[in-house]
C-alpha atoms as a PDB file:
ATOM      1  CA  MET A   1     109.163 -90.433  76.641  1.00  0.00           C
ATOM      2  CA  THR A   2     106.393 -90.636  74.411  1.00  0.00           C
ATOM      3  CA  TYR A   3     106.275 -89.287  71.091  1.00  0.00           C
ATOM      4  CA  SER A   4     103.857 -86.201  71.396  1.00  0.00           C
ATOM      5  CA  ALA A   5     106.413 -85.038  74.553  1.00  0.00           C
ATOM      6  CA  ALA A   6     109.249 -85.559  72.345  1.00  0.00           C
ATOM      7  CA  LEU A   7     107.957 -83.180  69.950  1.00  0.00           C
ATOM      8  CA  ALA A   8     106.423 -80.735  72.791  1.00  0.00           C
ATOM      9  CA  GLY A   9     109.806 -80.530  74.343  1.00  0.00           C
ATOM     10  CA  VAL A  10     111.593 -79.832  70.634  1.00  0.00           C
ATOM     11  CA  VAL A  11     109.262 -77.220  69.869  1.00  0.00           C
ATOM     12  CA  VAL A  12     109.863 -75.588  73.870  1.00  0.00           C
ATOM     13  CA  THR A  13     113.195 -75.494  73.656  1.00  0.00           C
ATOM     14  CA  LEU A  14     113.208 -74.055  69.955  1.00  0.00           C
ATOM     15  CA  LEU A  15     110.884 -71.164  71.588  1.00  0.00           C
ATOM     16  CA  SER A  16     113.127 -70.558  74.812  1.00  0.00           C
ATOM     17  CA  SER A  17     116.122 -70.096  72.748  1.00  0.00           C
ATOM     18  CA  ALA A  18     114.109 -67.726  70.535  1.00  0.00           C
ATOM     19  CA  LEU A  19     112.977 -65.844  73.277  1.00  0.00           C
ATOM     20  CA  LEU A  20     116.339 -65.837  74.740  1.00  0.00           C
ATOM     21  CA  VAL A  21     117.882 -64.059  71.699  1.00  0.00           C
ATOM     22  CA  ALA A  22     115.474 -61.825  71.164  1.00  0.00           C
ATOM     23  CA  SER A  23     115.739 -60.658  74.919  1.00  0.00           C
ATOM     24  CA  ARG A  24     119.173 -60.365  75.118  1.00  0.00           C
ATOM     25  CA  PRO A  25     119.775 -56.538  75.434  1.00  0.00           C
ATOM     26  CA  ALA A  26     122.818 -54.452  73.799  1.00  0.00           C
ATOM     27  CA  ALA A  27     125.363 -52.628  75.245  1.00  0.00           C
ATOM     28  CA  GLY A  28     128.128 -50.751  74.168  1.00  0.00           C
ATOM     29  CA  ASP A  29     129.249 -49.774  70.916  1.00  0.00           C
ATOM     30  CA  PRO A  30     126.477 -49.990  68.745  1.00  0.00           C
ATOM     31  CA  LEU A  31     127.989 -51.436  65.874  1.00  0.00           C
ATOM     32  CA  SER A  32     129.785 -54.171  68.093  1.00  0.00           C
ATOM     33  CA  SER A  33     126.882 -54.651  69.978  1.00  0.00           C
ATOM     34  CA  ALA A  34     124.788 -55.370  66.599  1.00  0.00           C
ATOM     35  CA  ARG A  35     127.511 -57.628  65.502  1.00  0.00           C
ATOM     36  CA  ALA A  36     127.793 -59.527  68.962  1.00  0.00           C
ATOM     37  CA  GLN A  37     123.560 -59.977  68.787  1.00  0.00           C
ATOM     38  CA  ALA A  38     123.996 -61.026  64.661  1.00  0.00           C
ATOM     39  CA  SER A  39     126.548 -63.568  65.746  1.00  0.00           C
ATOM     40  CA  GLN A  40     124.675 -64.674  68.545  1.00  0.00           C
ATOM     41  CA  ILE A  41     121.285 -65.133  66.485  1.00  0.00           C
ATOM     42  CA  THR A  42     123.395 -66.695  64.284  1.00  0.00           C
ATOM     43  CA  ALA A  43     124.857 -69.661  66.381  1.00  0.00           C
ATOM     44  CA  GLN A  44     121.375 -70.096  68.071  1.00  0.00           C
ATOM     45  CA  LEU A  45     119.834 -70.234  64.451  1.00  0.00           C
ATOM     46  CA  GLN A  46     122.470 -73.215  63.634  1.00  0.00           C
ATOM     47  CA  ALA A  47     121.323 -74.913  66.885  1.00  0.00           C
ATOM     48  CA  ASP A  48     117.898 -74.620  66.284  1.00  0.00           C
ATOM     49  CA  ALA A  49     118.314 -75.910  62.623  1.00  0.00           C
ATOM     50  CA  ALA A  50     119.690 -79.073  64.355  1.00  0.00           C
ATOM     51  CA  ARG A  51     116.860 -79.769  66.597  1.00  0.00           C
ATOM     52  CA  VAL A  52     114.595 -79.000  63.385  1.00  0.00           C
ATOM     53  CA  ASP A  53     116.469 -81.336  61.644  1.00  0.00           C
ATOM     54  CA  VAL A  54     115.091 -83.944  64.636  1.00  0.00           C
ATOM     55  CA  LEU A  55     111.629 -82.716  64.468  1.00  0.00           C
ATOM     56  CA  SER A  56     111.661 -83.429  60.726  1.00  0.00           C
ATOM     57  CA  GLN A  57     113.107 -87.063  61.554  1.00  0.00           C
ATOM     58  CA  GLN A  58     110.024 -87.185  63.843  1.00  0.00           C
ATOM     59  CA  TYR A  59     107.552 -85.763  61.462  1.00  0.00           C
ATOM     60  CA  GLU A  60     108.581 -88.362  58.932  1.00  0.00           C
ATOM     61  CA  ALA A  61     108.037 -90.909  61.635  1.00  0.00           C
ATOM     62  CA  ALA A  62     104.836 -89.573  62.271  1.00  0.00           C
ATOM     63  CA  GLN A  63     103.776 -90.034  58.787  1.00  0.00           C
ATOM     64  CA  ALA A  64     105.131 -93.463  58.397  1.00  0.00           C
ATOM     65  CA  ASN A  65     103.019 -94.428  61.448  1.00  0.00           C
ATOM     66  CA  VAL A  66     100.019 -92.494  59.868  1.00  0.00           C
ATOM     67  CA  GLN A  67     100.678 -94.383  56.633  1.00  0.00           C
ATOM     68  CA  SER A  68     100.652 -97.790  58.738  1.00  0.00           C
ATOM     69  CA  LEU A  69      97.146 -96.818  60.198  1.00  0.00           C
ATOM     70  CA  ASP A  70      95.875 -96.086  57.136  1.00  0.00           C
ATOM     71  CA  ASN A  71      96.937 -99.657  56.238  1.00  0.00           C
ATOM     72  CA  GLN A  72      95.279-101.051  59.067  1.00  0.00           C
ATOM     73  CA  ILE A  73      92.004 -99.105  58.472  1.00  0.00           C
ATOM     74  CA  GLY A  74      91.868-100.680  55.117  1.00  0.00           C
ATOM     75  CA  GLN A  75      92.475-104.181  56.082  1.00  0.00           C
ATOM     76  CA  ILE A  76      89.321-103.772  58.964  1.00  0.00           C
ATOM     77  CA  ARG A  77      87.248-101.937  56.135  1.00  0.00           C
ATOM     78  CA  SER A  78      87.788-105.072  54.119  1.00  0.00           C
ATOM     79  CA  THR A  79      86.957-107.456  57.412  1.00  0.00           C
ATOM     80  CA  ILE A  80      84.002-105.353  58.022  1.00  0.00           C
ATOM     81  CA  THR A  81      82.807-105.712  54.105  1.00  0.00           C
ATOM     82  CA  ALA A  82      83.530-109.757  54.531  1.00  0.00           C
ATOM     83  CA  ASP A  83      81.563-109.723  58.384  1.00  0.00           C
ATOM     84  CA  GLN A  84      78.743-107.928  56.501  1.00  0.00           C
ATOM     85  CA  ALA A  85      78.717-110.244  53.906  1.00  0.00           C
ATOM     86  CA  GLN A  86      78.788-113.441  56.398  1.00  0.00           C
ATOM     87  CA  VAL A  87      75.339-111.574  58.030  1.00  0.00           C
ATOM     88  CA  GLN A  88      73.700-111.392  54.952  1.00  0.00           C
ATOM     89  CA  THR A  89      74.470-115.129  54.015  1.00  0.00           C
ATOM     90  CA  ASP A  90      73.927-116.323  57.860  1.00  0.00           C
ATOM     91  CA  LYS A  91      70.548-114.223  57.323  1.00  0.00           C
ATOM     92  CA  THR A  92      69.410-116.153  54.241  1.00  0.00           C
ATOM     93  CA  ASN A  93      70.726-119.678  55.414  1.00  0.00           C
ATOM     94  CA  LEU A  94      68.231-118.963  58.314  1.00  0.00           C
ATOM     95  CA  ARG A  95      65.427-118.378  56.307  1.00  0.00           C
ATOM     96  CA  ARG A  96      65.871-121.102  53.995  1.00  0.00           C
ATOM     97  CA  GLU A  97      66.431-123.725  56.370  1.00  0.00           C
ATOM     98  CA  ALA A  98      63.686-122.213  58.772  1.00  0.00           C
ATOM     99  CA  VAL A  99      61.105-122.632  55.536  1.00  0.00           C
ATOM    100  CA  ASN A 100      62.930-126.354  54.765  1.00  0.00           C
ATOM    101  CA  ALA A 101      62.589-127.331  57.794  1.00  0.00           C
ATOM    102  CA  TYR A 102      58.855-126.959  57.752  1.00  0.00           C
ATOM    103  CA  MET A 103      58.613-128.768  54.786  1.00  0.00           C
ATOM    104  CA  SER A 104      57.835-132.363  54.101  1.00  0.00           C
ATOM    105  CA  SER A 105      60.722-134.189  52.037  1.00  0.00           C
ATOM    106  CA  GLY A 106      58.802-134.870  48.901  1.00  0.00           C
ATOM    107  CA  ASN A 107      55.424-136.734  50.719  1.00  0.00           C
ATOM    108  CA  ASP A 108      52.781-134.799  49.667  1.00  0.00           C
ATOM    109  CA  ILE A 109      51.604-134.500  53.365  1.00  0.00           C
ATOM    110  CA  GLY A 110      50.382-131.112  54.422  1.00  0.00           C
ATOM    111  CA  ILE A 111      52.452-129.116  57.082  1.00  0.00           C
ATOM    112  CA  GLU A 112      49.639-128.966  59.082  1.00  0.00           C
ATOM    113  CA  SER A 113      49.245-132.208  59.278  1.00  0.00           C
ATOM    114  CA  LEU A 114      52.683-133.339  59.424  1.00  0.00           C
ATOM    115  CA  PHE A 115      52.925-131.092  62.488  1.00  0.00           C
ATOM    116  CA  ALA A 116      49.759-131.518  64.425  1.00  0.00           C
ATOM    117  CA  ALA A 117      49.961-132.349  67.737  1.00  0.00           C
ATOM    118  CA  GLY A 118      48.749-135.969  67.426  1.00  0.00           C
ATOM    119  CA  GLY A 119      48.133-138.786  64.755  1.00  0.00           C
ATOM    120  CA  GLU A 120      49.899-141.401  62.902  1.00  0.00           C
ATOM    121  CA  ASN A 121      52.255-138.653  62.059  1.00  0.00           C
ATOM    122  CA  ALA A 122      53.831-137.501  65.011  1.00  0.00           C
ATOM    123  CA  ALA A 123      56.601-139.276  64.778  1.00  0.00           C
ATOM    124  CA  LEU A 124      57.625-137.902  61.750  1.00  0.00           C
ATOM    125  CA  SER A 125      56.912-134.507  62.948  1.00  0.00           C
ATOM    126  CA  SER A 126      58.885-134.880  66.182  1.00  0.00           C
ATOM    127  CA  GLU A 127      62.062-135.665  63.645  1.00  0.00           C
ATOM    128  CA  TYR A 128      61.877-132.612  61.671  1.00  0.00           C
ATOM    129  CA  ARG A 129      61.052-130.364  64.352  1.00  0.00           C
ATOM    130  CA  SER A 130      63.904-131.521  66.138  1.00  0.00           C
ATOM    131  CA  GLU A 131      66.132-131.210  62.932  1.00  0.00           C
ATOM    132  CA  ALA A 132      64.649-128.072  62.126  1.00  0.00           C
ATOM    133  CA  SER A 133      65.269-126.703  65.632  1.00  0.00           C
ATOM    134  CA  GLY A 134      69.070-127.350  65.210  1.00  0.00           C
ATOM    135  CA  ASN A 135      69.778-126.185  62.069  1.00  0.00           C
ATOM    136  CA  ILE A 136      67.842-123.196  62.655  1.00  0.00           C
ATOM    137  CA  SER A 137      70.015-123.108  66.512  1.00  0.00           C
ATOM    138  CA  ASN A 138      73.534-122.954  64.595  1.00  0.00           C
ATOM    139  CA  SER A 139      72.778-120.376  62.003  1.00  0.00           C
ATOM    140  CA  ILE A 140      71.339-118.279  64.911  1.00  0.00           C
ATOM    141  CA  ASP A 141      74.482-118.720  66.486  1.00  0.00           C
ATOM    142  CA  GLN A 142      76.597-117.931  63.294  1.00  0.00           C
ATOM    143  CA  LEU A 143      74.806-115.024  62.857  1.00  0.00           C
ATOM    144  CA  ASN A 144      75.685-113.211  66.748  1.00  0.00           C
ATOM    145  CA  VAL A 145      79.211-114.074  66.423  1.00  0.00           C
ATOM    146  CA  ALA A 146      79.429-112.602  63.079  1.00  0.00           C
ATOM    147  CA  GLN A 147      77.696-109.436  64.432  1.00  0.00           C
ATOM    148  CA  LYS A 148      79.682-109.085  67.464  1.00  0.00           C
ATOM    149  CA  ALA A 149      82.884-109.258  65.123  1.00  0.00           C
ATOM    150  CA  LEU A 150      81.275-106.581  63.091  1.00  0.00           C
ATOM    151  CA  ALA A 151      80.966-104.549  66.315  1.00  0.00           C
ATOM    152  CA  ALA A 152      84.496-105.086  67.326  1.00  0.00           C
ATOM    153  CA  GLN A 153      85.949-104.245  63.866  1.00  0.00           C
ATOM    154  CA  GLN A 154      84.119-100.909  63.721  1.00  0.00           C
ATOM    155  CA  GLN A 155      84.983 -99.854  66.816  1.00  0.00           C
ATOM    156  CA  GLN A 156      88.642-100.871  66.435  1.00  0.00           C
ATOM    157  CA  LEU A 157      88.542 -98.738  62.794  1.00  0.00           C
ATOM    158  CA  GLN A 158      86.740 -95.785  64.964  1.00  0.00           C
ATOM    159  CA  ALA A 159      90.158 -96.227  67.192  1.00  0.00           C
ATOM    160  CA  ALA A 160      92.948 -96.474  64.291  1.00  0.00           C
ATOM    161  CA  GLN A 161      91.146 -93.059  62.546  1.00  0.00           C
ATOM    162  CA  ALA A 162      91.312 -91.054  65.973  1.00  0.00           C
ATOM    163  CA  GLN A 163      94.587 -92.108  66.259  1.00  0.00           C
ATOM    164  CA  ALA A 164      96.039 -91.369  62.969  1.00  0.00           C
ATOM    165  CA  GLN A 165      93.965 -88.141  63.014  1.00  0.00           C
ATOM    166  CA  ALA A 166      96.069 -87.153  66.413  1.00  0.00           C
ATOM    167  CA  ALA A 167      99.456 -88.038  64.939  1.00  0.00           C
ATOM    168  CA  LEU A 168      98.267 -85.945  62.096  1.00  0.00           C
ATOM    169  CA  ASN A 169      97.359 -83.086  64.385  1.00  0.00           C
ATOM    170  CA  GLN A 170     100.745 -83.154  66.569  1.00  0.00           C
ATOM    171  CA  VAL A 171     103.191 -83.429  63.884  1.00  0.00           C
ATOM    172  CA  ALA A 172     101.474 -80.816  61.682  1.00  0.00           C
ATOM    173  CA  ALA A 173     101.290 -78.155  65.191  1.00  0.00           C
ATOM    174  CA  SER A 174     104.845 -79.213  65.547  1.00  0.00           C
ATOM    175  CA  GLN A 175     105.827 -78.443  62.466  1.00  0.00           C
ATOM    176  CA  GLN A 176     104.209 -74.903  62.125  1.00  0.00           C
ATOM    177  CA  ALA A 177     105.530 -74.067  65.862  1.00  0.00           C
ATOM    178  CA  ALA A 178     109.171 -75.195  64.503  1.00  0.00           C
ATOM    179  CA  GLU A 179     109.111 -72.961  61.175  1.00  0.00           C
ATOM    180  CA  ALA A 180     107.452 -69.991  63.149  1.00  0.00           C
ATOM    181  CA  VAL A 181     110.430 -70.235  65.547  1.00  0.00           C
ATOM    182  CA  VAL A 182     113.203 -70.061  62.791  1.00  0.00           C
ATOM    183  CA  ALA A 183     111.104 -67.580  60.959  1.00  0.00           C
ATOM    184  CA  SER A 184     111.002 -65.275  63.679  1.00  0.00           C
ATOM    185  CA  GLN A 185     114.575 -65.572  64.829  1.00  0.00           C
ATOM    186  CA  GLU A 186     115.530 -65.164  60.641  1.00  0.00           C
ATOM    187  CA  ALA A 187     113.524 -61.903  61.173  1.00  0.00           C
ATOM    188  CA  THR A 188     114.846 -60.730  63.740  1.00  0.00           C
ATOM    189  CA  LEU A 189     118.835 -61.619  62.178  1.00  0.00           C
ATOM    190  CA  SER A 190     117.366 -59.454  59.354  1.00  0.00           C
ATOM    191  CA  GLN A 191     116.602 -57.060  61.225  1.00  0.00           C
ATOM    192  CA  VAL A 192     119.666 -56.759  62.999  1.00  0.00           C
ATOM    193  CA  LYS A 193     122.008 -57.306  59.890  1.00  0.00           C
ATOM    194  CA  GLY A 194     119.964 -53.847  58.699  1.00  0.00           C
ATOM    195  CA  GLN A 195     120.773 -52.170  61.333  1.00  0.00           C
ATOM    196  CA  ILE A 196     124.278 -53.129  61.001  1.00  0.00           C
ATOM    197  CA  ALA A 197     123.991 -52.044  57.504  1.00  0.00           C
ATOM    198  CA  ALA A 198     122.541 -48.714  58.789  1.00  0.00           C
ATOM    199  CA  LEU A 199     125.668 -48.191  61.282  1.00  0.00           C
ATOM    200  CA  VAL A 200     128.396 -49.162  58.628  1.00  0.00           C
ATOM    201  CA  THR A 201     127.082 -46.690  56.162  1.00  0.00           C
ATOM    202  CA  GLN A 202     126.826 -44.057  58.570  1.00  0.00           C
ATOM    203  CA  GLN A 203     130.945 -44.876  59.660  1.00  0.00           C
ATOM    204  CA  GLN A 204     131.692 -45.191  56.405  1.00  0.00           C
ATOM    205  CA  ALA A 205     129.997 -42.019  55.495  1.00  0.00           C
ATOM    206  CA  ALA A 206     131.960 -40.209  58.854  1.00  0.00           C
ATOM    207  CA  GLU A 207     135.040 -41.775  57.513  1.00  0.00           C
ATOM    208  CA  GLN A 208     134.635 -40.675  54.133  1.00  0.00           C
ATOM    209  CA  ALA A 209     133.861 -36.982  55.189  1.00  0.00           C
ATOM    210  CA  VAL A 210     137.305 -37.407  57.155  1.00  0.00           C
ATOM    211  CA  GLN A 211     139.174 -38.457  54.203  1.00  0.00           C
ATOM    212  CA  HIS A 212     137.510 -36.183  52.002  1.00  0.00           C
ATOM    213  CA  ALA A 213     138.329 -33.012  54.207  1.00  0.00           C
ATOM    214  CA  LYS A 214     142.088 -34.203  54.366  1.00  0.00           C
ATOM    215  CA  PHE A 215     142.284 -34.176  50.645  1.00  0.00           C
ATOM    216  CA  VAL A 216     140.498 -30.851  50.170  1.00  0.00           C
ATOM    217  CA  ALA A 217     143.315 -29.749  52.835  1.00  0.00           C
ATOM    218  CA  ARG A 218     145.903 -31.664  51.059  1.00  0.00           C
ATOM    219  CA  VAL A 219     145.388 -29.647  47.560  1.00  0.00           C
ATOM    220  CA  GLY A 220     142.974 -27.041  49.038  1.00  0.00           C
ATOM    221  CA  SER A 221     139.380 -25.756  48.319  1.00  0.00           C
ATOM    222  CA  ALA A 222     140.102 -23.023  45.623  1.00  0.00           C
ATOM    223  CA  ASN A 223     141.606 -25.832  43.661  1.00  0.00           C
ATOM    224  CA  LEU A 224     138.505 -27.840  43.066  1.00  0.00           C
ATOM    225  CA  PRO A 225     136.203 -25.689  41.003  1.00  0.00           C
ATOM    226  CA  ASN A 226     132.718 -27.180  39.463  1.00  0.00           C
ATOM    227  CA  LEU A 227     133.518 -26.383  36.162  1.00  0.00           C
ATOM    228  CA  PRO A 228     131.914 -28.059  33.405  1.00  0.00           C
ATOM    229  CA  ALA A 229     134.412 -30.555  31.516  1.00  0.00           C
ATOM    230  CA  ALA A 230     135.415 -29.195  28.048  1.00  0.00           C
ATOM    231  CA  GLY A 231     135.830 -31.007  24.623  1.00  0.00           C
ATOM    232  CA  GLY A 232     136.334 -34.770  24.393  1.00  0.00           C
ATOM    233  CA  ALA A 233     136.257 -34.853  28.365  1.00  0.00           C
ATOM    234  CA  SER A 234     132.639 -33.817  28.416  1.00  0.00           C
ATOM    235  CA  THR A 235     131.542 -36.866  26.270  1.00  0.00           C
ATOM    236  CA  ALA A 236     133.686 -39.169  28.444  1.00  0.00           C
ATOM    237  CA  VAL A 237     132.061 -37.439  31.456  1.00  0.00           C
ATOM    238  CA  ALA A 238     128.359 -37.779  30.432  1.00  0.00           C
ATOM    239  CA  ALA A 239     129.294 -41.726  29.388  1.00  0.00           C
ATOM    240  CA  ALA A 240     130.456 -42.667  32.635  1.00  0.00           C
ATOM    241  CA  GLU A 241     127.549 -40.456  34.728  1.00  0.00           C
ATOM    242  CA  SER A 242     125.172 -42.451  32.104  1.00  0.00           C
ATOM    243  CA  GLN A 243     125.862 -45.633  33.788  1.00  0.00           C
ATOM    244  CA  ILE A 244     125.193 -44.885  37.864  1.00  0.00           C
ATOM    245  CA  GLY A 245     123.510 -47.433  39.071  1.00  0.00           C
ATOM    246  CA  VAL A 246     124.671 -50.432  37.177  1.00  0.00           C
ATOM    247  CA  PRO A 247     126.172 -52.407  39.209  1.00  0.00           C
ATOM    248  CA  TYR A 248     129.883 -53.487  39.820  1.00  0.00           C
ATOM    249  CA  VAL A 249     131.037 -56.421  38.450  1.00  0.00           C
ATOM    250  CA  TRP A 250     134.409 -57.807  38.632  1.00  0.00           C
ATOM    251  CA  GLY A 251     136.086 -57.852  35.435  1.00  0.00           C
ATOM    252  CA  GLY A 252     132.829 -55.956  33.695  1.00  0.00           C
ATOM    253  CA  GLU A 253     132.957 -53.559  31.219  1.00  0.00           C
ATOM    254  CA  THR A 254     129.343 -53.957  29.483  1.00  0.00           C
ATOM    255  CA  PRO A 255     127.001 -51.151  29.602  1.00  0.00           C
ATOM    256  CA  GLY A 256     123.789 -51.109  31.636  1.00  0.00           C
ATOM    257  CA  VAL A 257     124.844 -54.870  32.502  1.00  0.00           C
ATOM    258  CA  GLY A 258     128.396 -54.039  34.944  1.00  0.00           C
ATOM    259  CA  PHE A 259     131.576 -52.486  35.449  1.00  0.00           C
ATOM    260  CA  ASP A 260     134.375 -52.557  37.367  1.00  0.00           C
ATOM    261  CA  CYS A 261     136.301 -49.452  38.182  1.00  0.00           C
ATOM    262  CA  SER A 262     139.119 -49.557  35.021  1.00  0.00           C
ATOM    263  CA  GLY A 263     136.122 -51.322  32.841  1.00  0.00           C
ATOM    264  CA  LEU A 264     134.051 -48.131  33.252  1.00  0.00           C
ATOM    265  CA  THR A 265     137.021 -45.554  33.090  1.00  0.00           C
ATOM    266  CA  GLN A 266     138.125 -47.460  29.703  1.00  0.00           C
ATOM    267  CA  TRP A 267     134.459 -47.216  27.925  1.00  0.00           C
ATOM    268  CA  SER A 268     133.752 -43.683  28.702  1.00  0.00           C
ATOM    269  CA  TRP A 269     136.492 -42.692  27.446  1.00  0.00           C
ATOM    270  CA  ARG A 270     136.041 -44.726  24.502  1.00  0.00           C
ATOM    271  CA  GLN A 271     133.182 -43.271  24.044  1.00  0.00           C
ATOM    272  CA  ALA A 272     134.883 -39.822  23.464  1.00  0.00           C
ATOM    273  CA  GLY A 273     136.926 -41.427  20.606  1.00  0.00           C
ATOM    274  CA  VAL A 274     140.122 -41.956  23.154  1.00  0.00           C
ATOM    275  CA  GLY A 275     141.552 -45.403  24.007  1.00  0.00           C
ATOM    276  CA  ILE A 276     143.328 -46.353  27.044  1.00  0.00           C
ATOM    277  CA  PRO A 277     144.360 -49.416  28.558  1.00  0.00           C
ATOM    278  CA  ARG A 278     142.116 -51.797  30.304  1.00  0.00           C
ATOM    279  CA  THR A 279     143.471 -52.226  33.863  1.00  0.00           C
ATOM    280  CA  ALA A 280     143.771 -49.136  36.282  1.00  0.00           C
ATOM    281  CA  GLN A 281     147.611 -50.027  36.790  1.00  0.00           C
ATOM    282  CA  ALA A 282     147.993 -49.987  32.837  1.00  0.00           C
ATOM    283  CA  GLN A 283     146.253 -46.611  32.417  1.00  0.00           C
ATOM    284  CA  TYR A 284     148.346 -44.751  35.461  1.00  0.00           C
ATOM    285  CA  ASP A 285     151.143 -45.620  33.542  1.00  0.00           C
ATOM    286  CA  ALA A 286     149.764 -44.769  30.191  1.00  0.00           C
ATOM    287  CA  ILE A 287     148.367 -41.557  30.681  1.00  0.00           C
ATOM    288  CA  ALA A 288     150.153 -38.136  31.312  1.00  0.00           C
ATOM    289  CA  HIS A 289     149.976 -37.313  34.871  1.00  0.00           C
ATOM    290  CA  VAL A 290     148.649 -33.929  36.560  1.00  0.00           C
ATOM    291  CA  SER A 291     148.767 -32.687  40.045  1.00  0.00           C
ATOM    292  CA  LEU A 292     145.705 -32.891  42.436  1.00  0.00           C
ATOM    293  CA  GLY A 293     145.569 -29.652  42.648  1.00  0.00           C
ATOM    294  CA  ALA A 294     145.332 -28.833  38.639  1.00  0.00           C
ATOM    295  CA  LEU A 295     142.020 -31.602  38.358  1.00  0.00           C
ATOM    296  CA  GLN A 296     139.506 -30.721  35.310  1.00  0.00           C
ATOM    297  CA  PRO A 297     136.329 -33.192  34.664  1.00  0.00           C
ATOM    298  CA  GLY A 298     137.330 -36.380  32.607  1.00  0.00           C
ATOM    299  CA  ASP A 299     140.651 -36.537  34.244  1.00  0.00           C
ATOM    300  CA  LEU A 300     141.367 -39.711  36.470  1.00  0.00           C
ATOM    301  CA  VAL A 301     142.381 -40.461  40.052  1.00  0.00           C
ATOM    302  CA  PHE A 302     144.405 -43.607  40.991  1.00  0.00           C
ATOM    303  CA  TRP A 303     144.522 -44.970  44.595  1.00  0.00           C
ATOM    304  CA  GLY A 304     147.218 -47.425  45.615  1.00  0.00           C
ATOM    305  CA  ASP A 305     148.325 -49.583  48.059  1.00  0.00           C
ATOM    306  CA  GLY A 306     151.114 -47.748  49.499  1.00  0.00           C
ATOM    307  CA  THR A 307     153.921 -50.196  47.501  1.00  0.00           C
ATOM    308  CA  GLY A 308     153.594 -48.745  43.783  1.00  0.00           C
ATOM    309  CA  ASP A 309     150.487 -50.866  42.789  1.00  0.00           C
ATOM    310  CA  ILE A 310     147.154 -48.966  41.473  1.00  0.00           C
ATOM    311  CA  TYR A 311     144.364 -50.797  43.003  1.00  0.00           C
ATOM    312  CA  HIS A 312     141.449 -48.445  41.959  1.00  0.00           C
ATOM    313  CA  VAL A 313     140.646 -45.630  39.462  1.00  0.00           C
ATOM    314  CA  GLY A 314     137.843 -43.197  39.457  1.00  0.00           C
ATOM    315  CA  MET A 315     136.797 -40.495  36.909  1.00  0.00           C
ATOM    316  CA  TYR A 316     136.942 -36.686  38.206  1.00  0.00           C
ATOM    317  CA  VAL A 317     133.354 -34.880  37.433  1.00  0.00           C
ATOM    318  CA  GLY A 318     133.865 -31.904  39.145  1.00  0.00           C
ATOM    319  CA  GLY A 319     133.779 -30.251  42.732  1.00  0.00           C
ATOM    320  CA  GLY A 320     136.011 -32.794  44.471  1.00  0.00           C
ATOM    321  CA  ASP A 321     134.225 -35.900  43.317  1.00  0.00           C
ATOM    322  CA  VAL A 322     134.677 -38.611  41.227  1.00  0.00           C
ATOM    323  CA  VAL A 323     132.502 -40.981  39.588  1.00  0.00           C
ATOM    324  CA  ASP A 324     133.316 -44.456  40.221  1.00  0.00           C
ATOM    325  CA  ALA A 325     132.649 -48.678  40.071  1.00  0.00           C
ATOM    326  CA  PRO A 326     134.048 -48.867  43.941  1.00  0.00           C
ATOM    327  CA  GLN A 327     133.584 -52.518  44.808  1.00  0.00           C
ATOM    328  CA  THR A 328     131.103 -55.902  44.831  1.00  0.00           C
ATOM    329  CA  GLY A 329     128.183 -54.891  46.149  1.00  0.00           C
ATOM    330  CA  GLU A 330     127.787 -51.112  44.833  1.00  0.00           C
ATOM    331  CA  THR A 331     126.946 -49.573  42.324  1.00  0.00           C
ATOM    332  CA  VAL A 332     128.416 -46.818  39.796  1.00  0.00           C
ATOM    333  CA  HIS A 333     127.728 -43.581  41.800  1.00  0.00           C
ATOM    334  CA  VAL A 334     129.416 -40.342  42.328  1.00  0.00           C
ATOM    335  CA  GLN A 335     131.185 -39.443  45.631  1.00  0.00           C
ATOM    336  CA  PRO A 336     133.881 -37.289  47.047  1.00  0.00           C
ATOM    337  CA  ILE A 337     137.563 -38.235  46.849  1.00  0.00           C
ATOM    338  CA  TRP A 338     138.763 -39.821  49.763  1.00  0.00           C
ATOM    339  CA  ASP A 339     142.278 -38.845  50.975  1.00  0.00           C
ATOM    340  CA  ASN A 340     143.296 -42.779  52.178  1.00  0.00           C
ATOM    341  CA  GLY A 341     145.897 -44.476  49.610  1.00  0.00           C
ATOM    342  CA  LEU A 342     145.162 -41.629  47.121  1.00  0.00           C
ATOM    343  CA  VAL A 343     148.217 -41.776  44.585  1.00  0.00           C
ATOM    344  CA  GLY A 344     147.265 -39.064  41.885  1.00  0.00           C
ATOM    345  CA  ALA A 345     145.824 -38.380  39.033  1.00  0.00           C
ATOM    346  CA  GLY A 346     146.312 -38.407  35.158  1.00  0.00           C
ATOM    347  CA  ARG A 347     144.657 -36.866  31.769  1.00  0.00           C
ATOM    348  CA  PRO A 348     143.947 -39.218  29.085  1.00  0.00           C
END
């Protein structure tokens, strides 16, 4: 297989696989189908990455070939320069030998009389003519050889240049085609991941609504009035809400930079002049507990794993909502209280 054919085969394979992934229909549950499609695209990208590696190696080989041709072109140009110099030398020699052939060798006999048809100098004239003819003939032969060599080298240069350009064009086109395929697949994968994220968000919202409805049923809607925070709690709530949009950072406790759940509640209550422990578990153990039906803005709400361990805390802001730093990848925000894992509440 030729180099060009090998490159073309790789690119065709990449294009075919991309079309196969893009045309594969989704069916069944939208989230499951989107995840399956993402998995398929990811697997195809991994396979294509291996093919692109092969293409890259072939590209490097083509570059080496082009470099070799460039070196040959340089050598040919040097040869042409030498041939041109030889042609010029031969022309100069030819002119000089032609003049020398018709000149006397130190004699003051005129050229016309020396090369006259007859006379006493006829033998000498014949000798010079013979010598001049031989020298001129040799120079003409050398000139013809040099000119032929020059023409051949020029043709070789043109062929080498065309070959180098063709190789460069081929590898450049193949490289661009491969990159376009990978970029297309990555764009498709990004789109599918966006669909997955949207579907997951929808499912989470639906689940959150169910969990909040369970919480409301558990405590009764009458026990969740949307009242303003009082006293130091108002300062704590205002402090927590001032950090809405700040990223979740594990172990974070820096305003404007990042918080984890207990870091946010500790910092917020510190702004009200109240000190509480650092971790959610320690906060739950340290503060006075209140019933969920008696929640007031500023109270802390806790979630656990069912074994007695507390893993999350948020600050109640009224209306059945808490402000909290949920988890990695999210930001501080207000959301409805959910029932799953809900342990209880406390008041600093």
